[in-house]
C-alpha cells in the first residue's frame, strides 16, 4: 500500500509542473518565473533523485527523475526567453 501512496504523490508532484513548462515554451514568456527559485528546485529534485538511487526507492526515482526533466525544461526556457 505504501508504494502506491509514494507513486501517487510522485505523479501529483510531478504533473503540477507540466502546465508551467508548457506555458513557458508555448508563449515564450518567462517574465513571471524566478530563475533562482527554479534553479533551487532543480537542485532539490536532483538531490532527491540521487537519494532515491542510493536507497533504491522507485517512487522517489520515478517522481524526481520526471520532475528533473520538467523543471530543467522550465529553466532552459527561462534562459532562452529572457
Protein backbone atom coordinates (compact mmCIF):
# COMPACT_ATOMS: atom_id res chain seq x y z
CA UNK A 1 0.00 0.00 0.00
CA UNK A 2 2.81 2.43 0.88
CA UNK A 3 4.36 2.14 -2.56
CA UNK A 4 1.07 3.20 -4.20
CA UNK A 5 0.92 6.26 -1.98
CA UNK A 6 4.51 7.05 -2.98
CA UNK A 7 3.78 6.72 -6.69
CA UNK A 8 0.55 8.73 -6.39
CA UNK A 9 2.36 11.53 -4.54
CA UNK A 10 5.13 11.41 -7.12
CA UNK A 11 2.73 11.68 -10.04
CA UNK A 12 0.85 14.59 -8.48
CA UNK A 13 4.06 16.37 -7.50
CA UNK A 14 5.44 15.96 -11.00
CA UNK A 15 2.43 16.85 -13.13
CA UNK A 16 1.93 20.11 -11.25
CA UNK A 17 4.98 21.47 -13.15
CA UNK A 18 3.77 20.42 -16.62
CA UNK A 19 1.40 23.40 -17.17
CA UNK A 20 4.18 25.83 -16.21
CA UNK A 21 6.64 24.22 -18.62
CA UNK A 22 4.03 24.08 -21.38
CA UNK A 23 3.09 27.74 -20.93
CA UNK A 24 6.73 28.88 -20.84
CA UNK A 25 7.53 27.16 -24.12
CA UNK A 26 4.22 27.90 -25.85
CA UNK A 27 4.14 31.63 -25.05
CA UNK A 28 7.90 32.19 -24.82
CA UNK A 29 7.08 34.43 -21.86
CA UNK A 30 9.06 33.61 -18.73
CA UNK A 31 8.96 37.05 -17.16
CA UNK A 32 6.85 35.78 -14.27
CA UNK A 33 9.27 32.97 -13.43
CA UNK A 34 12.07 33.24 -10.91
CA UNK A 35 15.29 31.74 -12.23
CA UNK A 36 16.73 31.42 -8.73
CA UNK A 37 13.65 29.62 -7.38
CA UNK A 38 13.60 27.21 -10.31
CA UNK A 39 17.33 26.54 -10.02
CA UNK A 40 16.90 25.78 -6.32
CA UNK A 41 14.02 23.45 -7.08
CA UNK A 42 16.11 21.81 -9.80
CA UNK A 43 18.85 21.20 -7.23
CA UNK A 44 16.25 19.85 -4.79
CA UNK A 45 14.80 17.28 -7.20
CA UNK A 46 18.32 16.31 -8.32
CA UNK A 47 19.32 15.59 -4.73
CA UNK A 48 16.10 13.64 -4.07
CA UNK A 49 16.75 11.65 -7.24
CA UNK A 50 20.27 10.84 -6.06
CA UNK A 51 18.94 9.85 -2.66
CA UNK A 52 16.30 7.64 -4.29
CA UNK A 53 19.01 5.95 -6.35
CA UNK A 54 21.17 5.39 -3.27
CA UNK A 55 18.35 3.75 -1.30
CA UNK A 56 16.73 2.17 -4.39
CA UNK A 57 13.35 3.78 -3.73
CA UNK A 58 11.47 3.53 -7.04
CA UNK A 59 8.73 6.07 -6.30
CA UNK A 60 11.44 8.64 -5.43
CA UNK A 61 13.44 7.75 -8.53
CA UNK A 62 10.42 7.92 -10.81
CA UNK A 63 8.95 11.14 -9.43
CA UNK A 64 12.19 13.07 -9.16
CA UNK A 65 13.53 11.82 -12.49
CA UNK A 66 10.41 13.12 -14.21
CA UNK A 67 10.40 16.34 -12.18
CA UNK A 68 14.06 16.89 -13.04
CA UNK A 69 13.29 16.80 -16.76
CA UNK A 70 10.29 19.11 -16.46
CA UNK A 71 11.99 21.68 -14.22
CA UNK A 72 15.09 21.52 -16.42
CA UNK A 73 12.88 22.46 -19.38
CA UNK A 74 11.48 25.40 -17.38
CA UNK A 75 15.00 26.61 -16.54
CA UNK A 76 16.02 26.18 -20.20
CA UNK A 77 13.01 28.24 -21.30
CA UNK A 78 13.83 30.92 -18.74
CA UNK A 79 17.41 31.14 -20.00
CA UNK A 80 16.37 31.11 -23.66
CA UNK A 81 13.48 33.60 -23.46
CA UNK A 82 14.87 36.16 -21.00
